[in-house]
Structure formats: structure tokens, C-alpha cells
Amino acid sequence: MGDCMKSKLKHKKGIIMIVISIIIIIFLFWVIKIIFFQGDGNKYGDRCSDHNEYKISNNTKKEVEKKFKEIEEVKKVEIYSQLCTVKIIVNLKSDIDLDTIKQYAKDVLSLFSEDELKYYDFSLFVTSDDKESETYPINVNKHNSRDDFAW
């Protein structure tokens, strides 16, 4: 009779260990979910919740395009905004001096209002059709708290 009791006790201990292990695994998955997968909220956080108040006008977009097209080597300019970021893509027919692009980029920023400059991050991507180019493509950014692009 003693062997039967020991067998039942071992069986109960085994079941208890399995239940405790399952509870620990469920708890660990829950903790991992909370830490690494927090909500389905906006990936930009609250900073972009009012992006409708700071729409970039079509007129400003045309002015940016017009400014870059003053450079003879510019083939195409695209500008669009996505929540808190204004993206400007400039495609060159051939290489030009990087200082020229830097100056035009600075001039283009002056086309935006102070509120837009403080709200948006800016990304400037410059490419060249010249396959031998050692300067381009180049991607530079301006954070909304900075005055100029980070070259």
C-alpha cells in the first residue's frame, strides 16, 4: 500500500510541476508582450497627432520644386509630407558640387514657415544619373529642433 501512495504522490507532484510551468510560461509571454509590443498606437507618438494643422501647401511644394530647378543639372524634384516628415527627392542629370546642393537646401528651408520648420523633420535625398558619381546618392536630414540639415 505504501508504494501506491508514493506513486500517487509522485504523480501529483508531476502534475503540479507541469501546471506551475505552464503558468510561468504564460506569465513570461504576457511580460514580453507588454514590454516589446506596446499597443497599436501611432509609431510617431503624440507629436504628430495634430499633423492636419500643419499641412504643407501645394504652393510651398511648387516653390521648393522651382527653387531646385534653378540648378541646370536638376532633372526632377519630388516633395511630399508623411505625418511629421517632409521628404524632398532631387534627381540630377549629372554631378554638381555638393556645396551648391547645400546652399539650395538651406534656401529651400526658408520657404517654409517657422511653425512648419518646428513641426516637421526634413529629409533630402539627392541622386544622380551619373553612374560614376562618387558624391551621390546622398541622404541628409533636419530634425525639427535644428536649424539646418545635418551634412
Protein backbone atom coordinates (compact mmCIF):
# COMPACT_ATOMS: atom_id res chain seq x y z
CA MET A 1 0.00 0.00 0.00
CA GLY A 2 2.91 2.33 0.65
CA ASP A 3 4.12 2.03 -2.96
CA CYS A 4 0.69 3.05 -4.25
CA MET A 5 0.71 6.19 -2.09
CA LYS A 6 4.23 7.08 -3.21
CA SER A 7 3.19 6.61 -6.84
CA LYS A 8 0.13 8.86 -6.41
CA LEU A 9 2.24 11.46 -4.59
CA LYS A 10 4.83 11.45 -7.40
CA HIS A 11 2.02 11.73 -9.96
CA LYS A 12 0.50 14.72 -8.10
CA LYS A 13 3.93 16.38 -7.83
CA GLY A 14 4.43 15.89 -11.58
CA ILE A 15 1.03 17.46 -12.38
CA ILE A 16 1.70 20.36 -10.01
CA MET A 17 5.10 20.98 -11.67
CA ILE A 18 3.50 20.93 -15.14
CA VAL A 19 0.76 23.38 -14.05
CA ILE A 20 3.32 25.70 -12.42
CA SER A 21 5.50 25.54 -15.57
CA ILE A 22 2.53 26.43 -17.79
CA ILE A 23 1.62 29.35 -15.51
CA ILE A 24 5.22 30.63 -15.60
CA ILE A 25 5.37 30.33 -19.41
CA ILE A 26 2.06 32.21 -19.79
CA PHE A 27 3.30 34.90 -17.40
CA LEU A 28 6.58 35.27 -19.34
CA PHE A 29 4.72 35.62 -22.66
CA TRP A 30 2.49 38.26 -21.08
CA VAL A 31 5.51 40.22 -19.76
CA ILE A 32 7.27 40.01 -23.14
CA LYS A 33 4.13 41.22 -24.90
CA ILE A 34 3.81 44.19 -22.57
CA ILE A 35 7.48 45.16 -22.86
CA PHE A 36 8.07 44.70 -26.60
CA PHE A 37 4.66 45.03 -28.23
CA GLN A 38 3.08 48.03 -26.59
CA GLY A 39 -0.18 48.87 -28.26
CA ASP A 40 -1.18 49.62 -31.80
CA GLY A 41 -0.69 53.36 -31.32
CA ASN A 42 0.87 55.82 -33.70
CA LYS A 43 4.52 54.96 -34.39
CA TYR A 44 5.37 58.67 -34.16
CA GLY A 45 3.80 59.07 -30.71
CA ASP A 46 1.76 62.12 -29.77
CA ARG A 47 4.00 64.60 -31.59
CA CYS A 48 2.15 64.02 -34.87
CA SER A 49 -1.38 63.93 -33.52
CA ASP A 50 -2.06 67.42 -34.89
CA HIS A 51 -0.48 66.95 -38.33
CA ASN A 52 -3.64 68.23 -40.04
CA GLU A 53 -2.95 71.69 -38.62
CA TYR A 54 0.46 71.87 -40.34
CA LYS A 55 -0.30 70.76 -43.88
CA ILE A 56 2.34 71.81 -46.42
CA SER A 57 0.56 73.82 -49.08
CA ASN A 58 0.79 72.95 -52.75
CA ASN A 59 2.16 76.44 -53.32
CA THR A 60 5.08 75.75 -50.96
CA LYS A 61 5.74 72.44 -52.69
CA LYS A 62 5.81 74.20 -56.06
CA GLU A 63 8.18 76.85 -54.69
CA VAL A 64 10.55 74.14 -53.43
CA GLU A 65 10.48 72.44 -56.83
CA LYS A 66 11.01 75.77 -58.60
CA LYS A 67 13.95 76.64 -56.34
CA PHE A 68 15.77 73.37 -57.00
CA LYS A 69 15.04 73.57 -60.73
CA GLU A 70 17.07 76.78 -60.83
CA ILE A 71 20.02 74.40 -60.89
CA GLU A 72 20.54 73.48 -64.53
CA GLU A 73 21.58 69.89 -63.70
CA VAL A 74 18.35 69.12 -61.83
CA LYS A 75 16.24 66.65 -63.75
CA LYS A 76 13.36 66.00 -61.34
CA VAL A 77 12.16 67.15 -57.90
CA GLU A 78 9.60 65.36 -55.76
CA ILE A 79 8.29 66.62 -52.45
CA TYR A 80 5.74 65.06 -50.15
CA SER A 81 4.89 65.02 -46.50
CA GLN A 82 4.12 62.00 -44.40
CA LEU A 83 2.82 62.86 -40.93
CA CYS A 84 5.81 64.60 -39.29
CA THR A 85 8.30 64.31 -42.14
CA VAL A 86 8.76 66.29 -45.35
CA LYS A 87 10.65 64.28 -47.94
CA ILE A 88 12.39 66.01 -50.83
CA ILE A 89 13.90 63.90 -53.59
CA VAL A 90 16.14 65.59 -56.15
CA ASN A 91 17.41 63.73 -59.20
CA LEU A 92 20.36 65.25 -61.06
CA LYS A 93 21.26 64.73 -64.72
CA SER A 94 24.93 64.95 -63.81
CA ASP A 95 27.09 65.64 -60.80
CA ILE A 96 27.32 69.09 -59.32
CA ASP A 97 29.33 70.45 -56.44
CA LEU A 98 27.96 69.36 -53.07
CA ASP A 99 28.27 72.92 -51.76
CA THR A 100 25.74 74.03 -54.39
CA ILE A 101 23.21 71.48 -53.15
CA LYS A 102 23.92 72.50 -49.55
CA GLN A 103 23.21 76.14 -50.34
CA TYR A 104 19.99 75.36 -52.21
CA ALA A 105 18.85 73.07 -49.41
CA LYS A 106 19.36 75.90 -46.94
CA ASP A 107 17.49 78.30 -49.24
CA VAL A 108 14.62 75.84 -49.59
CA LEU A 109 14.16 75.70 -45.82
CA SER A 110 13.47 79.43 -45.88
CA LEU A 111 10.36 78.71 -47.99
CA PHE A 112 8.69 77.02 -45.02
CA SER A 113 7.06 78.87 -42.14
CA GLU A 114 8.65 78.88 -38.68
CA ASP A 115 5.81 76.68 -37.42
CA GLU A 116 6.40 74.14 -40.20
CA LEU A 117 10.14 74.10 -39.51
CA LYS A 118 9.50 73.45 -35.81
CA TYR A 119 6.90 70.77 -36.52
CA TYR A 120 8.36 68.73 -39.38
CA ASP A 121 11.53 66.72 -39.76
CA PHE A 122 13.00 67.14 -43.25
CA SER A 123 14.71 64.51 -45.36
CA LEU A 124 16.61 65.43 -48.54
CA PHE A 125 17.63 62.63 -50.87
CA VAL A 126 19.78 63.61 -53.86
CA THR A 127 20.59 61.16 -56.66
CA SER A 128 22.48 61.50 -59.90
CA ASP A 129 22.08 59.81 -63.28
CA ASP A 130 25.87 59.80 -63.44
CA LYS A 131 26.70 56.18 -62.60
CA GLU A 132 30.32 57.12 -61.86
CA SER A 133 29.32 59.65 -59.20
CA GLU A 134 31.32 59.48 -56.01
CA THR A 135 29.18 62.11 -54.27
CA TYR A 136 25.64 60.93 -54.95
CA PRO A 137 23.32 59.45 -53.83
CA ILE A 138 23.26 61.33 -50.56
CA ASN A 139 20.59 61.46 -47.88
CA VAL A 140 20.58 64.22 -45.26
CA ASN A 141 18.09 65.06 -42.56
CA LYS A 142 16.98 68.01 -40.50
CA HIS A 143 15.35 67.41 -37.14
CA ASN A 144 12.55 69.77 -36.18
CA SER A 145 14.66 71.11 -33.31
CA ARG A 146 17.60 72.01 -35.59
CA ASP A 147 18.10 74.95 -37.91
CA ASP A 148 19.78 73.17 -40.82
CA PHE A 149 20.38 69.78 -42.40
CA ALA A 150 22.97 67.51 -40.81
CA TRP A 151 25.53 67.04 -43.57
